[in-house]
Amino acid sequence: MEKALTEVRGEIERIEGRRRYLADQAAMSTISMDLHEPRPITSSGRRGFWSKITRSFSRGLDGFGDAVGGSIEIIIAGSPIVVIFGGLGWAGLKGFRRLRRRPKFHKEEQTEA
């Protein structure tokens, strides 16, 4: 009889431990939700010839504007670099020309004088 009672008590303690574990897990659980607005309803009808022409023309103008804007950005961003390297090149060229204009003395000319 005591053996059966001990087994029942052990089973009760095991079940009680499992109940506490599940209660703790439920207390720490998190619910996450992703909310977003529904997509706007668009017509699924075919687009006409003029609609396609208008859209293509608009995209072409947008591309041209992007190209012009990019070119202006490159010119503005590159101008300091051009000035710096241009100045260094000019100074280097001027120094090189000065070195070429100097008379060259040979050992033979120095011994004759």
N, C-alpha and C. Protein backbone atom coordinates (compact mmCIF):
# COMPACT_ATOMS: atom_id res chain seq x y z
N MET A 1 0.81 -1.18 0.00
CA MET A 1 0.00 0.00 0.00
C MET A 1 0.87 1.27 0.00
N GLU A 2 1.93 1.28 0.81
CA GLU A 2 2.81 2.45 0.86
C GLU A 2 3.53 2.66 -0.47
N LYS A 3 3.85 1.57 -1.13
CA LYS A 3 4.53 1.66 -2.42
C LYS A 3 3.62 2.34 -3.45
N ALA A 4 2.36 1.98 -3.46
CA ALA A 4 1.40 2.59 -4.38
C ALA A 4 1.20 4.06 -4.03
N LEU A 5 1.14 4.37 -2.73
CA LEU A 5 0.98 5.76 -2.29
C LEU A 5 2.20 6.59 -2.70
N THR A 6 3.39 6.03 -2.57
CA THR A 6 4.61 6.73 -2.96
C THR A 6 4.62 6.98 -4.46
N GLU A 7 4.18 6.01 -5.23
CA GLU A 7 4.12 6.18 -6.68
C GLU A 7 3.13 7.28 -7.07
N VAL A 8 1.99 7.33 -6.39
CA VAL A 8 0.98 8.35 -6.68
C VAL A 8 1.52 9.73 -6.32
N ARG A 9 2.20 9.84 -5.15
CA ARG A 9 2.78 11.13 -4.74
C ARG A 9 3.84 11.58 -5.77
N GLY A 10 4.66 10.66 -6.23
CA GLY A 10 5.68 10.98 -7.23
C GLY A 10 5.04 11.46 -8.53
N GLU A 11 3.96 10.80 -8.92
CA GLU A 11 3.25 11.20 -10.13
C GLU A 11 2.63 12.58 -9.95
N ILE A 12 2.08 12.86 -8.77
CA ILE A 12 1.48 14.18 -8.49
C ILE A 12 2.57 15.26 -8.54
N GLU A 13 3.73 15.00 -7.95
CA GLU A 13 4.83 15.98 -7.95
C GLU A 13 5.34 16.22 -9.38
N ARG A 14 5.41 15.15 -10.17
CA ARG A 14 5.86 15.30 -11.56
C ARG A 14 4.85 16.14 -12.35
N ILE A 15 3.58 15.88 -12.18
CA ILE A 15 2.55 16.65 -12.88
C ILE A 15 2.55 18.09 -12.40
N GLU A 16 2.71 18.29 -11.09
CA GLU A 16 2.74 19.66 -10.54
C GLU A 16 3.96 20.42 -11.07
N GLY A 17 5.11 19.79 -11.18
CA GLY A 17 6.30 20.42 -11.75
C GLY A 17 6.09 20.79 -13.22
N ARG A 18 5.46 19.90 -13.96
CA ARG A 18 5.17 20.20 -15.37
C ARG A 18 4.21 21.37 -15.49
N ARG A 19 3.19 21.42 -14.58
CA ARG A 19 2.21 22.52 -14.59
C ARG A 19 2.91 23.85 -14.30
N ARG A 20 3.82 23.87 -13.32
CA ARG A 20 4.57 25.11 -13.01
C ARG A 20 5.45 25.54 -14.18
N TYR A 21 6.11 24.56 -14.83
CA TYR A 21 6.95 24.86 -16.00
C TYR A 21 6.11 25.49 -17.11
N LEU A 22 4.97 24.91 -17.42
CA LEU A 22 4.11 25.44 -18.47
C LEU A 22 3.55 26.81 -18.10
N ALA A 23 3.22 27.02 -16.83
CA ALA A 23 2.72 28.34 -16.39
C ALA A 23 3.80 29.39 -16.54
N ASP A 24 5.05 29.05 -16.20
CA ASP A 24 6.16 30.01 -16.35
C ASP A 24 6.41 30.32 -17.83
N GLN A 25 6.34 29.31 -18.67
CA GLN A 25 6.54 29.52 -20.11
C GLN A 25 5.45 30.41 -20.69
N ALA A 26 4.22 30.21 -20.26
CA ALA A 26 3.10 31.03 -20.74
C ALA A 26 3.25 32.47 -20.27
N ALA A 27 3.78 32.68 -19.07
CA ALA A 27 3.96 34.03 -18.54
C ALA A 27 5.02 34.78 -19.33
N MET A 28 6.01 34.08 -19.89
CA MET A 28 7.09 34.74 -20.62
C MET A 28 6.87 34.74 -22.12
N SER A 29 5.75 34.25 -22.59
CA SER A 29 5.51 34.19 -24.02
C SER A 29 5.24 35.58 -24.59
N THR A 30 5.52 35.74 -25.87
CA THR A 30 5.36 37.02 -26.54
C THR A 30 4.51 36.82 -27.79
N ILE A 31 3.66 37.78 -28.03
CA ILE A 31 2.86 37.75 -29.25
C ILE A 31 3.35 38.88 -30.14
N SER A 32 3.70 38.58 -31.38
CA SER A 32 4.13 39.62 -32.31
C SER A 32 3.14 39.70 -33.46
N MET A 33 2.89 40.93 -33.90
CA MET A 33 1.94 41.16 -34.98
C MET A 33 2.56 42.12 -35.99
N ASP A 34 2.32 41.87 -37.25
CA ASP A 34 2.74 42.77 -38.32
C ASP A 34 1.48 43.41 -38.89
N LEU A 35 1.41 44.74 -38.80
CA LEU A 35 0.25 45.46 -39.32
C LEU A 35 0.67 46.28 -40.53
N HIS A 36 -0.15 46.31 -41.53
CA HIS A 36 0.12 47.13 -42.71
C HIS A 36 -1.21 47.56 -43.31
N GLU A 37 -1.11 48.64 -44.05
CA GLU A 37 -2.31 49.15 -44.71
C GLU A 37 -2.59 48.29 -45.94
N PRO A 38 -3.86 48.13 -46.26
CA PRO A 38 -4.16 47.35 -47.46
C PRO A 38 -3.70 48.07 -48.72
N ARG A 39 -3.36 47.32 -49.73
CA ARG A 39 -2.90 47.90 -50.99
C ARG A 39 -4.07 48.62 -51.68
N PRO A 40 -3.75 49.71 -52.36
CA PRO A 40 -4.83 50.40 -53.08
C PRO A 40 -5.33 49.55 -54.24
N ILE A 41 -6.57 49.72 -54.52
CA ILE A 41 -7.18 48.97 -55.61
C ILE A 41 -6.79 49.65 -56.93
N THR A 42 -6.26 48.87 -57.83
CA THR A 42 -5.88 49.41 -59.14
C THR A 42 -6.67 48.68 -60.21
N SER A 43 -6.84 49.36 -61.30
CA SER A 43 -7.57 48.73 -62.40
C SER A 43 -6.66 47.76 -63.12
N SER A 44 -7.20 46.65 -63.49
CA SER A 44 -6.39 45.64 -64.17
C SER A 44 -6.64 45.66 -65.67
N GLY A 45 -7.28 46.71 -66.14
CA GLY A 45 -7.57 46.81 -67.57
C GLY A 45 -6.31 47.07 -68.38
N ARG A 46 -6.39 46.83 -69.68
CA ARG A 46 -5.24 47.06 -70.56
C ARG A 46 -5.04 48.55 -70.77
N ARG A 47 -3.81 48.90 -70.90
CA ARG A 47 -3.48 50.31 -71.16
C ARG A 47 -3.47 50.54 -72.65
N GLY A 48 -3.89 51.72 -73.02
CA GLY A 48 -3.96 52.05 -74.43
C GLY A 48 -2.63 52.50 -75.00
N PHE A 49 -2.61 52.69 -76.28
CA PHE A 49 -1.41 53.11 -77.01
C PHE A 49 -0.89 54.44 -76.50
N TRP A 50 -1.76 55.44 -76.37
CA TRP A 50 -1.34 56.77 -75.95
C TRP A 50 -0.89 56.78 -74.50
N SER A 51 -1.47 55.92 -73.69
CA SER A 51 -1.03 55.82 -72.30
C SER A 51 0.41 55.31 -72.24
N LYS A 52 0.72 54.32 -73.06
CA LYS A 52 2.08 53.79 -73.11
C LYS A 52 3.06 54.83 -73.65
N ILE A 53 2.65 55.57 -74.67
CA ILE A 53 3.51 56.62 -75.23
C ILE A 53 3.79 57.68 -74.18
N THR A 54 2.76 58.11 -73.47
CA THR A 54 2.92 59.14 -72.43
C THR A 54 3.84 58.66 -71.33
N ARG A 55 3.63 57.41 -70.89
CA ARG A 55 4.47 56.86 -69.83
C ARG A 55 5.93 56.75 -70.29
N SER A 56 6.16 56.32 -71.51
CA SER A 56 7.53 56.20 -72.04
C SER A 56 8.20 57.56 -72.16
N PHE A 57 7.46 58.55 -72.63
CA PHE A 57 8.00 59.90 -72.75
C PHE A 57 8.37 60.45 -71.36
N SER A 58 7.52 60.21 -70.39
CA SER A 58 7.79 60.68 -69.02
C SER A 58 9.04 60.00 -68.46
N ARG A 59 9.16 58.70 -68.68
CA ARG A 59 10.36 57.98 -68.20
C ARG A 59 11.62 58.49 -68.90
N GLY A 60 11.51 58.80 -70.18
CA GLY A 60 12.65 59.33 -70.92
C GLY A 60 13.10 60.67 -70.37
N LEU A 61 12.15 61.55 -70.07
CA LEU A 61 12.50 62.85 -69.48
C LEU A 61 13.12 62.68 -68.10
N ASP A 62 12.58 61.74 -67.32
CA ASP A 62 13.16 61.49 -65.99
C ASP A 62 14.60 61.00 -66.12
N GLY A 63 14.86 60.12 -67.08
CA GLY A 63 16.22 59.63 -67.29
C GLY A 63 17.17 60.73 -67.75
N PHE A 64 16.69 61.59 -68.63
CA PHE A 64 17.51 62.71 -69.09
C PHE A 64 17.83 63.65 -67.93
N GLY A 65 16.82 63.93 -67.10
CA GLY A 65 17.05 64.78 -65.92
C GLY A 65 18.06 64.17 -64.96
N ASP A 66 17.97 62.85 -64.77
CA ASP A 66 18.94 62.18 -63.90
C ASP A 66 20.35 62.27 -64.47
N ALA A 67 20.49 62.12 -65.79
CA ALA A 67 21.82 62.20 -66.42
C ALA A 67 22.40 63.59 -66.29
N VAL A 68 21.60 64.63 -66.52
CA VAL A 68 22.08 66.01 -66.39
C VAL A 68 22.45 66.30 -64.94
N GLY A 69 21.60 65.87 -64.01
CA GLY A 69 21.90 66.09 -62.59
C GLY A 69 23.18 65.39 -62.17
N GLY A 70 23.39 64.16 -62.65
CA GLY A 70 24.63 63.44 -62.32
C GLY A 70 25.85 64.12 -62.90
N SER A 71 25.72 64.64 -64.11
CA SER A 71 26.86 65.35 -64.72
C SER A 71 27.22 66.60 -63.94
N ILE A 72 26.21 67.33 -63.49
CA ILE A 72 26.46 68.53 -62.69
C ILE A 72 27.13 68.16 -61.37
N GLU A 73 26.69 67.08 -60.75
CA GLU A 73 27.31 66.63 -59.49
C GLU A 73 28.78 66.27 -59.70
N ILE A 74 29.07 65.58 -60.80
CA ILE A 74 30.46 65.20 -61.07
C ILE A 74 31.32 66.44 -61.29
N ILE A 75 30.80 67.42 -62.01
CA ILE A 75 31.56 68.65 -62.28
C ILE A 75 31.83 69.39 -60.97
N ILE A 76 30.81 69.53 -60.14
CA ILE A 76 30.97 70.27 -58.88
C ILE A 76 31.90 69.52 -57.93
N ALA A 77 31.71 68.20 -57.82
CA ALA A 77 32.54 67.42 -56.90
C ALA A 77 33.97 67.29 -57.41
N GLY A 78 34.16 67.29 -58.73
CA GLY A 78 35.50 67.10 -59.28
C GLY A 78 36.30 68.37 -59.45
N SER A 79 35.65 69.53 -59.35
CA SER A 79 36.38 70.78 -59.58
C SER A 79 37.53 71.00 -58.58
N PRO A 80 37.39 70.74 -57.30
CA PRO A 80 38.55 70.92 -56.40
C PRO A 80 39.71 70.00 -56.77
N ILE A 81 39.41 68.80 -57.21
CA ILE A 81 40.47 67.87 -57.59
C ILE A 81 41.20 68.38 -58.82
N VAL A 82 40.46 68.89 -59.79
CA VAL A 82 41.07 69.43 -61.01
C VAL A 82 41.96 70.62 -60.66
N VAL A 83 41.51 71.48 -59.77
CA VAL A 83 42.30 72.66 -59.38
C VAL A 83 43.58 72.22 -58.68
N ILE A 84 43.48 71.27 -57.76
CA ILE A 84 44.68 70.83 -57.02
C ILE A 84 45.69 70.17 -57.95
N PHE A 85 45.22 69.18 -58.75
CA PHE A 85 46.16 68.49 -59.62
C PHE A 85 46.64 69.39 -60.76
N GLY A 86 45.79 70.31 -61.20
CA GLY A 86 46.23 71.26 -62.22
C GLY A 86 47.34 72.15 -61.69
N GLY A 87 47.19 72.63 -60.48
CA GLY A 87 48.23 73.47 -59.86
C GLY A 87 49.52 72.70 -59.65
N LEU A 88 49.40 71.47 -59.19
CA LEU A 88 50.61 70.66 -59.00
C LEU A 88 51.29 70.37 -60.34
N GLY A 89 50.50 70.09 -61.36
CA GLY A 89 51.07 69.83 -62.69
C GLY A 89 51.74 71.07 -63.25
N TRP A 90 51.11 72.21 -63.09
CA TRP A 90 51.68 73.46 -63.59
C TRP A 90 53.00 73.75 -62.88
N ALA A 91 53.02 73.58 -61.53
CA ALA A 91 54.25 73.84 -60.78
C ALA A 91 55.35 72.85 -61.18
N GLY A 92 54.98 71.60 -61.38
CA GLY A 92 55.97 70.60 -61.80
C GLY A 92 56.53 70.89 -63.17
N LEU A 93 55.68 71.32 -64.09
CA LEU A 93 56.12 71.64 -65.45
C LEU A 93 57.05 72.85 -65.44
N LYS A 94 56.69 73.84 -64.63
CA LYS A 94 57.53 75.04 -64.54
C LYS A 94 58.90 74.70 -63.96
N GLY A 95 58.92 73.84 -62.93
CA GLY A 95 60.20 73.42 -62.33
C GLY A 95 61.03 72.60 -63.30
N PHE A 96 60.39 71.75 -64.07
CA PHE A 96 61.09 70.94 -65.05
C PHE A 96 61.72 71.81 -66.13
N ARG A 97 60.98 72.83 -66.57
CA ARG A 97 61.52 73.73 -67.59
C ARG A 97 62.71 74.51 -67.06
N ARG A 98 62.68 74.89 -65.80
CA ARG A 98 63.82 75.61 -65.21
C ARG A 98 65.05 74.72 -65.18
N LEU A 99 64.85 73.44 -64.84
CA LEU A 99 65.99 72.53 -64.80
C LEU A 99 66.58 72.33 -66.19
N ARG A 100 65.76 72.33 -67.20
CA ARG A 100 66.25 72.14 -68.56
C ARG A 100 67.00 73.37 -69.05
N ARG A 101 66.67 74.56 -68.58
CA ARG A 101 67.31 75.80 -69.05
C ARG A 101 68.68 76.02 -68.40
N ARG A 102 68.96 75.38 -67.29
CA ARG A 102 70.25 75.58 -66.62
C ARG A 102 71.37 75.09 -67.53
N PRO A 103 72.46 75.85 -67.55
CA PRO A 103 73.59 75.38 -68.37
C PRO A 103 74.24 74.17 -67.70
N LYS A 104 74.65 73.24 -68.51
CA LYS A 104 75.27 72.03 -67.99
C LYS A 104 76.78 72.22 -68.01
N PHE A 105 77.38 71.97 -66.89
CA PHE A 105 78.83 72.07 -66.80
C PHE A 105 79.43 70.69 -66.90
N HIS A 106 80.38 70.56 -67.78
CA HIS A 106 81.09 69.29 -67.91
C HIS A 106 82.44 69.44 -67.24
N LYS A 107 83.04 68.35 -66.93
CA LYS A 107 84.35 68.39 -66.30
C LYS A 107 85.39 69.01 -67.22
N GLU A 108 85.26 68.83 -68.50
CA GLU A 108 86.21 69.37 -69.46
C GLU A 108 86.17 70.90 -69.45
N GLU A 109 84.98 71.47 -69.36
CA GLU A 109 84.86 72.92 -69.38
C GLU A 109 85.42 73.52 -68.09
N GLN A 110 85.31 72.82 -66.98
CA GLN A 110 85.80 73.34 -65.72
C GLN A 110 87.34 73.32 -65.67
N THR A 111 87.97 72.36 -66.29
CA THR A 111 89.43 72.30 -66.26
C THR A 111 90.06 73.34 -67.16
N GLU A 112 89.39 73.75 -68.26
CA GLU A 112 89.91 74.76 -69.17
C GLU A 112 89.84 76.14 -68.59
N ALA A 113 88.90 76.40 -67.76
CA ALA A 113 88.72 77.75 -67.25
C ALA A 113 89.66 78.12 -66.21
